[in-house]
Amino acid sequence: MKPTVPVSNIMTKNLVKLNLDDSLTKAESLFKKHKIRHIPVVKGKKIVGILSYTDLLRISFADATDDDGTEVETTIYDMFSIEQVMTSQIVSLDADDYIKDAAEIFTKAEFHALPVLKNESLVGIVTTTDVIKYLLKQY
């Protein structure tokens, strides 16, 4: 196993992002459309938070849909802003940090995604799934 592989080798670079003024309905739509569980929240090029699908589930009472499962009940979403629901205490990595660094953070923390920065600008996101896939390739 290569101990000095940078996290930039496994991060997602083509990011789905939200702005602070976007709606939670838009967030849920992006989660489902892209089949992802974490979306960085930005103000300009600066990351200000991260929203997880779990964050949405906490306020939406398990994703209430109508009887045929097609229409999402968004009344609850209209009561909150992204800023109120997102995590603003961000732990991030530098693009040159190692995959091992990400793995160590994940083993100590209760979250599953880390924004990746270069010169304080958001350039990617790495998840526990990315790290596990990398480790599996090593065998």
Protein backbone atom coordinates (compact mmCIF):
# COMPACT_ATOMS: atom_id res chain seq x y z
CA MET A 1 0.00 0.00 0.00
CA LYS A 2 1.23 3.47 -0.86
CA PRO A 3 1.27 5.59 2.32
CA THR A 4 1.74 8.95 0.61
CA VAL A 5 -1.04 9.10 -1.97
CA PRO A 6 -2.75 12.50 -1.91
CA VAL A 7 -6.46 12.70 -1.26
CA SER A 8 -6.80 14.61 -4.54
CA ASN A 9 -6.31 11.25 -6.32
CA ILE A 10 -9.60 9.87 -5.01
CA MET A 11 -11.77 12.93 -4.33
CA THR A 12 -14.80 13.88 -6.38
CA LYS A 13 -13.84 16.92 -8.42
CA ASN A 14 -17.07 17.53 -10.33
CA LEU A 15 -18.95 18.92 -7.36
CA VAL A 16 -22.63 19.43 -6.76
CA LYS A 17 -22.85 22.56 -4.57
CA LEU A 18 -25.50 24.60 -2.85
CA ASN A 19 -25.55 28.33 -2.12
CA LEU A 20 -26.75 29.68 1.22
CA ASP A 21 -29.89 31.09 -0.39
CA ASP A 22 -30.91 27.82 -2.09
CA SER A 23 -33.94 25.98 -0.72
CA LEU A 24 -33.98 22.67 1.11
CA THR A 25 -36.35 21.41 -1.58
CA LYS A 26 -33.59 22.07 -4.13
CA ALA A 27 -31.13 20.28 -1.85
CA GLU A 28 -33.31 17.17 -1.66
CA SER A 29 -33.75 17.22 -5.41
CA LEU A 30 -29.97 17.33 -5.90
CA PHE A 31 -29.41 14.50 -3.40
CA LYS A 32 -31.84 12.27 -5.27
CA LYS A 33 -30.86 13.30 -8.80
CA HIS A 34 -27.14 12.72 -8.25
CA LYS A 35 -27.51 9.84 -5.75
CA ILE A 36 -25.21 11.54 -3.25
CA ARG A 37 -25.34 12.03 0.52
CA HIS A 38 -23.29 15.21 1.10
CA ILE A 39 -23.35 18.62 -0.58
CA PRO A 40 -20.94 21.46 0.21
CA VAL A 41 -22.58 24.83 0.84
CA VAL A 42 -20.68 27.77 -0.59
CA LYS A 43 -20.69 31.53 -0.51
CA GLY A 44 -18.82 32.52 -3.66
CA LYS A 45 -15.84 30.16 -3.80
CA LYS A 46 -15.60 29.77 -0.04
CA ILE A 47 -17.15 26.78 1.70
CA VAL A 48 -19.36 27.79 4.62
CA GLY A 49 -20.94 24.45 5.48
CA ILE A 50 -21.88 20.97 4.42
CA LEU A 51 -25.38 19.54 4.18
CA SER A 52 -25.93 15.82 4.47
CA TYR A 53 -28.98 13.85 3.45
CA THR A 54 -29.19 12.79 7.10
CA ASP A 55 -29.52 16.47 8.06
CA LEU A 56 -32.61 16.66 5.84
CA LEU A 57 -34.07 13.47 7.25
CA ARG A 58 -33.76 14.84 10.77
CA ILE A 59 -36.13 17.70 9.99
CA SER A 60 -38.40 16.03 7.44
CA PHE A 61 -39.55 13.06 9.51
CA ALA A 62 -38.10 10.42 7.20
CA ASP A 63 -38.79 11.96 3.82
CA ALA A 64 -42.57 12.15 3.76
CA THR A 65 -43.97 11.31 0.32
CA ASP A 66 -47.49 10.93 -0.96
CA ASP A 67 -49.19 7.54 -1.40
CA ASP A 68 -47.58 6.73 -4.74
CA GLY A 69 -44.16 7.97 -3.56
CA THR A 70 -43.70 10.61 -6.24
CA GLU A 71 -44.38 13.95 -4.56
CA VAL A 72 -42.25 15.01 -1.60
CA GLU A 73 -43.96 16.94 1.19
CA THR A 74 -41.93 20.13 1.41
CA THR A 75 -43.90 22.07 4.01
CA ILE A 76 -41.26 21.33 6.65
CA TYR A 77 -38.48 22.45 4.29
CA ASP A 78 -40.12 25.85 3.93
CA MET A 79 -39.73 26.38 7.68
CA PHE A 80 -35.92 26.16 7.62
CA SER A 81 -33.03 27.61 5.66
CA ILE A 82 -29.97 25.69 4.50
CA GLU A 83 -27.91 27.70 6.97
CA GLN A 84 -30.08 26.47 9.86
CA VAL A 85 -29.77 22.81 8.88
CA MET A 86 -26.22 22.48 7.52
CA THR A 87 -23.13 21.75 9.57
CA SER A 88 -21.04 24.89 9.78
CA GLN A 89 -18.22 23.48 11.91
CA ILE A 90 -16.26 22.13 8.96
CA VAL A 91 -13.32 19.78 9.11
CA SER A 92 -11.51 19.88 5.78
CA LEU A 93 -8.44 18.52 4.05
CA ASP A 94 -5.89 20.17 1.83
CA ALA A 95 -5.63 18.66 -1.67
CA ASP A 96 -2.07 17.58 -0.83
CA ASP A 97 -3.06 15.77 2.39
CA TYR A 98 -2.84 12.00 2.25
CA ILE A 99 -5.61 9.44 2.00
CA LYS A 100 -4.34 8.11 5.33
CA ASP A 101 -5.13 11.53 6.87
CA ALA A 102 -8.74 11.27 5.64
CA ALA A 103 -9.04 7.72 7.01
CA GLU A 104 -7.76 8.83 10.42
CA ILE A 105 -10.28 11.68 10.58
CA PHE A 106 -13.14 9.38 9.58
CA THR A 107 -12.25 6.87 12.31
CA LYS A 108 -12.39 9.60 14.97
CA ALA A 109 -15.34 11.66 13.73
CA GLU A 110 -19.05 11.06 13.28
CA PHE A 111 -19.28 12.26 9.71
CA HIS A 112 -18.60 10.66 6.35
CA ALA A 113 -17.47 13.45 4.01
CA LEU A 114 -14.64 15.97 4.03
CA PRO A 115 -14.36 19.00 1.77
CA VAL A 116 -11.00 19.29 0.04
CA LEU A 117 -9.44 22.75 -0.30
CA LYS A 118 -6.60 24.25 -2.27
CA ASN A 119 -5.56 27.77 -1.30
CA GLU A 120 -8.78 28.02 0.74
CA SER A 121 -10.97 27.31 -2.32
CA LEU A 122 -13.18 24.23 -2.53
CA VAL A 123 -11.76 21.81 -5.11
CA GLY A 124 -13.33 18.49 -4.14
CA ILE A 125 -14.97 16.24 -1.59
CA VAL A 126 -13.80 12.88 -0.26
CA THR A 127 -16.11 10.40 1.45
CA THR A 128 -15.71 7.26 3.47
CA THR A 129 -16.82 5.35 0.37
CA ASP A 130 -13.96 6.89 -1.64
CA VAL A 131 -11.46 5.78 0.99
CA ILE A 132 -12.90 2.25 1.19
CA LYS A 133 -12.86 1.89 -2.62
CA TYR A 134 -9.20 3.01 -2.66
CA LEU A 135 -8.29 0.50 0.04
CA LEU A 136 -10.11 -2.32 -1.76
CA LYS A 137 -8.06 -1.63 -4.91
CA GLN A 138 -4.92 -2.24 -2.88
CA TYR A 139 -5.83 -5.93 -2.40
